[in-house]
């Protein structure tokens, strides 16, 4: 699977993230944009989607 780091993260990559987090547990996460950096609202949406993936997993972790 290839992610260009120059566009929004595609759904198969988000699915791979979910799969990996479910198996490896909570891990630091970086949404990276190397070229063609978009407007702030697009970056914020990507960061929000990553935060949601982490929050979904942390809600499943027993306290």
N, C-alpha and C. Protein backbone atom coordinates (compact mmCIF):
# COMPACT_ATOMS: atom_id res chain seq x y z
N UNK A 1 0.85 -1.16 0.00
CA UNK A 1 0.00 0.00 0.00
C UNK A 1 0.90 1.23 0.00
N UNK A 2 0.58 2.18 -0.84
CA UNK A 2 1.41 3.38 -0.96
C UNK A 2 0.59 4.61 -0.63
N UNK A 3 1.16 5.48 0.18
CA UNK A 3 0.55 6.77 0.49
C UNK A 3 1.54 7.83 0.02
N UNK A 4 1.08 8.77 -0.77
CA UNK A 4 1.98 9.73 -1.43
C UNK A 4 2.48 10.84 -0.52
N UNK A 5 1.84 11.06 0.63
CA UNK A 5 2.17 12.18 1.52
C UNK A 5 1.93 13.51 0.83
N UNK A 6 1.14 13.53 -0.23
CA UNK A 6 0.87 14.76 -0.94
C UNK A 6 -0.61 14.98 -1.20
N UNK A 7 -1.45 14.12 -0.62
CA UNK A 7 -2.91 14.24 -0.76
C UNK A 7 -3.53 13.73 0.53
N UNK A 8 -4.85 13.84 0.60
CA UNK A 8 -5.53 13.29 1.77
C UNK A 8 -5.24 11.80 1.87
N UNK A 9 -5.26 11.30 3.08
CA UNK A 9 -5.05 9.88 3.31
C UNK A 9 -6.26 9.13 2.74
N UNK A 10 -5.99 8.09 1.98
CA UNK A 10 -7.08 7.33 1.34
C UNK A 10 -7.67 6.30 2.31
N UNK A 11 -8.91 5.92 2.06
CA UNK A 11 -9.62 5.01 2.97
C UNK A 11 -8.88 3.70 3.26
N UNK A 12 -8.24 3.06 2.28
CA UNK A 12 -7.51 1.82 2.62
C UNK A 12 -6.38 2.06 3.63
N UNK A 13 -5.77 3.23 3.62
CA UNK A 13 -4.72 3.53 4.59
C UNK A 13 -5.33 3.73 5.97
N UNK A 14 -6.48 4.40 6.04
CA UNK A 14 -7.16 4.55 7.33
C UNK A 14 -7.56 3.17 7.87
N UNK A 15 -8.03 2.30 7.00
CA UNK A 15 -8.40 0.95 7.42
C UNK A 15 -7.18 0.20 7.95
N UNK A 16 -6.04 0.36 7.28
CA UNK A 16 -4.81 -0.27 7.75
C UNK A 16 -4.41 0.29 9.12
N UNK A 17 -4.59 1.58 9.32
CA UNK A 17 -4.31 2.18 10.63
C UNK A 17 -5.18 1.53 11.70
N UNK A 18 -6.49 1.44 11.45
CA UNK A 18 -7.39 0.81 12.42
C UNK A 18 -6.96 -0.62 12.74
N UNK A 19 -6.65 -1.37 11.69
CA UNK A 19 -6.20 -2.76 11.85
C UNK A 19 -4.94 -2.82 12.72
N UNK A 20 -3.99 -1.96 12.42
CA UNK A 20 -2.72 -1.96 13.15
C UNK A 20 -2.91 -1.55 14.60
N UNK A 21 -3.68 -0.50 14.84
CA UNK A 21 -3.91 -0.05 16.22
C UNK A 21 -4.62 -1.11 17.04
N UNK A 22 -5.57 -1.82 16.42
CA UNK A 22 -6.28 -2.88 17.14
C UNK A 22 -5.34 -3.99 17.58
N UNK A 23 -4.31 -4.25 16.81
CA UNK A 23 -3.39 -5.33 17.13
C UNK A 23 -2.19 -4.87 17.96
N UNK A 24 -1.73 -3.65 17.74
CA UNK A 24 -0.52 -3.17 18.43
C UNK A 24 -0.84 -2.28 19.63
N UNK A 25 -2.08 -1.83 19.74
CA UNK A 25 -2.45 -0.93 20.83
C UNK A 25 -2.13 0.52 20.45
N UNK A 26 -2.43 1.39 21.39
CA UNK A 26 -2.21 2.81 21.15
C UNK A 26 -0.74 3.10 20.88
N UNK A 27 -0.50 3.88 19.87
CA UNK A 27 0.85 4.26 19.47
C UNK A 27 0.82 5.71 19.03
N UNK A 28 1.97 6.40 19.10
CA UNK A 28 2.01 7.77 18.55
C UNK A 28 1.66 7.73 17.07
N UNK A 29 1.05 8.79 16.61
CA UNK A 29 0.56 8.84 15.23
C UNK A 29 0.88 10.20 14.62
N UNK A 30 1.36 10.18 13.40
CA UNK A 30 1.71 11.40 12.68
C UNK A 30 1.03 11.39 11.32
N UNK A 31 0.27 12.45 11.03
CA UNK A 31 -0.26 12.64 9.69
C UNK A 31 0.72 13.58 9.00
N UNK A 32 1.34 13.08 7.96
CA UNK A 32 2.46 13.81 7.33
C UNK A 32 2.07 14.27 5.93
N UNK A 33 2.50 15.47 5.60
CA UNK A 33 2.24 16.04 4.27
C UNK A 33 3.55 16.60 3.76
N UNK A 34 4.16 15.96 2.77
CA UNK A 34 5.48 16.35 2.29
C UNK A 34 5.44 17.37 1.16
N UNK A 35 4.40 17.36 0.37
CA UNK A 35 4.32 18.29 -0.77
C UNK A 35 2.87 18.63 -1.04
N UNK A 36 2.65 19.66 -1.82
CA UNK A 36 1.29 20.10 -2.15
C UNK A 36 0.43 20.28 -0.90
N UNK A 37 0.99 20.96 0.08
CA UNK A 37 0.30 21.15 1.36
C UNK A 37 -1.02 21.90 1.11
N UNK A 38 -2.13 21.34 1.59
CA UNK A 38 -3.45 21.93 1.32
C UNK A 38 -3.80 23.04 2.31
N UNK A 39 -4.99 23.55 2.15
CA UNK A 39 -5.52 24.55 3.08
C UNK A 39 -5.68 23.93 4.46
N UNK A 40 -5.74 24.82 5.46
CA UNK A 40 -5.81 24.40 6.86
C UNK A 40 -6.99 23.47 7.13
N UNK A 41 -8.16 23.74 6.54
CA UNK A 41 -9.33 22.90 6.84
C UNK A 41 -9.13 21.45 6.42
N UNK A 42 -8.38 21.21 5.36
CA UNK A 42 -8.08 19.84 4.93
C UNK A 42 -7.12 19.19 5.92
N UNK A 43 -6.09 19.91 6.32
CA UNK A 43 -5.14 19.37 7.31
C UNK A 43 -5.84 19.06 8.63
N UNK A 44 -6.69 19.99 9.05
CA UNK A 44 -7.41 19.80 10.31
C UNK A 44 -8.32 18.57 10.22
N UNK A 45 -8.97 18.37 9.09
CA UNK A 45 -9.85 17.21 8.92
C UNK A 45 -9.05 15.90 9.00
N UNK A 46 -7.87 15.89 8.39
CA UNK A 46 -7.04 14.68 8.46
C UNK A 46 -6.58 14.42 9.90
N UNK A 47 -6.16 15.47 10.59
CA UNK A 47 -5.74 15.31 11.99
C UNK A 47 -6.91 14.85 12.86
N UNK A 48 -8.09 15.37 12.58
CA UNK A 48 -9.27 14.97 13.33
C UNK A 48 -9.60 13.50 13.09
N UNK A 49 -9.45 13.06 11.86
CA UNK A 49 -9.72 11.64 11.56
C UNK A 49 -8.73 10.74 12.28
N UNK A 50 -7.48 11.15 12.36
CA UNK A 50 -6.47 10.38 13.10
C UNK A 50 -6.80 10.36 14.59
N UNK A 51 -7.19 11.51 15.13
CA UNK A 51 -7.54 11.59 16.55
C UNK A 51 -8.75 10.69 16.85
N UNK A 52 -9.69 10.64 15.93
CA UNK A 52 -10.86 9.78 16.10
C UNK A 52 -10.47 8.31 16.14
N UNK A 53 -9.53 7.91 15.30
CA UNK A 53 -9.05 6.52 15.30
C UNK A 53 -8.42 6.18 16.64
N UNK A 54 -7.63 7.09 17.18
CA UNK A 54 -6.99 6.84 18.47
C UNK A 54 -8.03 6.85 19.60
N UNK A 55 -8.98 7.77 19.55
CA UNK A 55 -10.00 7.85 20.58
C UNK A 55 -10.87 6.60 20.59
N UNK A 56 -11.18 6.10 19.41
CA UNK A 56 -12.00 4.88 19.30
C UNK A 56 -11.30 3.72 20.00
N UNK A 57 -10.02 3.60 19.81
CA UNK A 57 -9.27 2.53 20.43
C UNK A 57 -9.14 2.75 21.94
N UNK A 58 -8.85 4.00 22.35
CA UNK A 58 -8.67 4.26 23.78
C UNK A 58 -9.97 4.05 24.54
N UNK A 59 -11.11 4.22 23.89
CA UNK A 59 -12.39 3.97 24.54
C UNK A 59 -12.60 2.48 24.81
N UNK A 60 -11.89 1.64 24.06
CA UNK A 60 -12.01 0.19 24.22
C UNK A 60 -11.05 -0.36 25.27
N UNK A 61 -10.05 0.43 25.66
CA UNK A 61 -9.04 -0.02 26.61
C UNK A 61 -9.60 0.10 28.01
N UNK A 62 -9.60 -1.01 28.79
CA UNK A 62 -10.10 -0.93 30.16
C UNK A 62 -9.25 -0.02 31.02
N UNK A 63 -9.90 0.70 31.91
CA UNK A 63 -9.17 1.64 32.80
C UNK A 63 -8.48 0.92 33.91
